[in-house]
Amino acid sequence: MFVLELTYTAPVERVDALHEAHLAWLDEQYEAGVFIASGRKNPRDGGIILAVGDDRAQIEKITAADPFVTGDVCAYRVTEFIARKTAPELERFRQQLAG
């Protein structure tokens, strides 16, 4: 599982100009089963996305296509973790440690 932290690198007016395209991109990732939760940070200086994927390279490729990235208004920090425990609703995302 991955925590994707977006940090705005441009004024919020520039971010807002790309917001509809960003929402469409989010919808595509939800439909593909990659994203499981997302939202703005408070204060509004970026956002957080919880994602599942085969590997970090796949997730980095997806984040590189975000209109916020291609529009040069945010930077991503990608953190991978092993979801050993989850709420019952997220049980299908539980992972085992290797070896």
Protein backbone atom coordinates (compact mmCIF):
# COMPACT_ATOMS: atom_id res chain seq x y z
CA MET A 1 0.00 0.00 0.00
CA PHE A 2 1.13 3.55 -0.62
CA VAL A 3 0.57 6.92 0.97
CA LEU A 4 0.85 9.65 -1.66
CA GLU A 5 1.38 13.10 -0.20
CA LEU A 6 0.88 16.03 -2.55
CA THR A 7 2.41 19.38 -1.67
CA TYR A 8 1.43 22.42 -3.68
CA THR A 9 4.39 24.19 -5.27
CA ALA A 10 2.37 27.01 -6.85
CA PRO A 11 -0.24 29.50 -5.67
CA VAL A 12 -3.64 27.94 -4.97
CA GLU A 13 -5.16 29.89 -7.89
CA ARG A 14 -2.98 27.87 -10.29
CA VAL A 15 -3.97 24.66 -8.47
CA ASP A 16 -7.66 25.57 -8.74
CA ALA A 17 -7.29 26.09 -12.50
CA LEU A 18 -6.31 22.40 -12.82
CA HIS A 19 -8.76 21.04 -10.26
CA GLU A 20 -11.35 19.62 -12.70
CA ALA A 21 -8.65 17.77 -14.67
CA HIS A 22 -7.19 16.46 -11.40
CA LEU A 23 -10.63 15.19 -10.31
CA ALA A 24 -11.09 13.38 -13.64
CA TRP A 25 -7.65 11.77 -13.19
CA LEU A 26 -8.61 10.71 -9.64
CA ASP A 27 -11.83 9.15 -10.97
CA GLU A 28 -9.82 7.12 -13.51
CA GLN A 29 -7.59 5.75 -10.74
CA TYR A 30 -10.57 4.87 -8.54
CA GLU A 31 -12.18 3.06 -11.48
CA ALA A 32 -8.91 1.16 -12.06
CA GLY A 33 -8.91 0.06 -8.40
CA VAL A 34 -5.66 1.87 -7.59
CA PHE A 35 -6.91 4.60 -5.25
CA ILE A 36 -8.95 3.77 -2.14
CA ALA A 37 -9.15 7.18 -0.40
CA SER A 38 -8.14 10.78 -1.09
CA GLY A 39 -8.65 14.31 0.11
CA ARG A 40 -7.21 17.75 0.83
CA LYS A 41 -4.85 18.42 3.69
CA ASN A 42 -5.89 20.93 6.32
CA PRO A 43 -4.52 23.55 6.02
CA ARG A 44 -4.94 23.41 2.24
CA ASP A 45 -1.36 23.05 1.10
CA GLY A 46 -1.77 19.73 -0.71
CA GLY A 47 -3.52 16.40 -0.37
CA ILE A 48 -3.25 12.74 0.60
CA ILE A 49 -4.11 9.66 -1.46
CA LEU A 50 -4.11 6.04 -0.28
CA ALA A 51 -3.22 3.73 -3.15
CA VAL A 52 -2.64 0.06 -3.86
CA GLY A 53 -0.44 -1.21 -6.64
CA ASP A 54 2.01 -3.85 -7.77
CA ASP A 55 5.11 -1.79 -7.10
CA ARG A 56 6.50 1.67 -6.50
CA ALA A 57 7.41 2.17 -10.17
CA GLN A 58 3.76 1.67 -11.18
CA ILE A 59 2.59 4.20 -8.58
CA GLU A 60 5.25 6.74 -9.60
CA LYS A 61 4.16 6.39 -13.24
CA ILE A 62 0.55 7.06 -12.21
CA THR A 63 1.45 10.12 -10.11
CA ALA A 64 3.55 11.53 -12.96
CA ALA A 65 0.36 11.68 -15.06
CA ASP A 66 -1.56 13.77 -12.51
CA PRO A 67 -2.55 17.10 -14.12
CA PHE A 68 -1.22 18.79 -10.97
CA VAL A 69 2.21 17.34 -11.82
CA THR A 70 2.09 17.96 -15.56
CA GLY A 71 0.82 21.47 -14.77
CA ASP A 72 3.78 21.97 -12.41
CA VAL A 73 1.69 22.89 -9.35
CA CYS A 74 2.54 20.04 -6.96
CA ALA A 75 5.20 17.56 -5.91
CA TYR A 76 4.56 14.03 -4.65
CA ARG A 77 6.11 12.16 -1.76
CA VAL A 78 5.45 8.41 -2.14
CA THR A 79 5.66 6.23 0.98
CA GLU A 80 5.21 2.48 0.71
CA PHE A 81 4.08 0.49 3.73
CA ILE A 82 2.90 -3.03 4.54
CA ALA A 83 -0.74 -2.93 5.69
CA ARG A 84 -0.64 -5.73 8.26
CA LYS A 85 -3.83 -4.64 10.06
CA THR A 86 -6.90 -2.97 8.57
CA ALA A 87 -10.50 -2.20 9.37
CA PRO A 88 -12.74 -5.09 8.30
CA GLU A 89 -13.87 -3.08 5.25
CA LEU A 90 -10.26 -2.93 4.02
CA GLU A 91 -9.38 -6.57 4.74
CA ARG A 92 -8.69 -7.32 1.07
CA PHE A 93 -5.75 -4.87 1.23
CA ARG A 94 -3.97 -6.63 4.12
CA GLN A 95 -0.45 -7.74 3.31
CA GLN A 96 2.02 -10.25 4.67
CA LEU A 97 5.69 -9.61 5.33
CA ALA A 98 7.99 -11.34 2.86
CA GLY A 99 10.27 -14.11 4.03
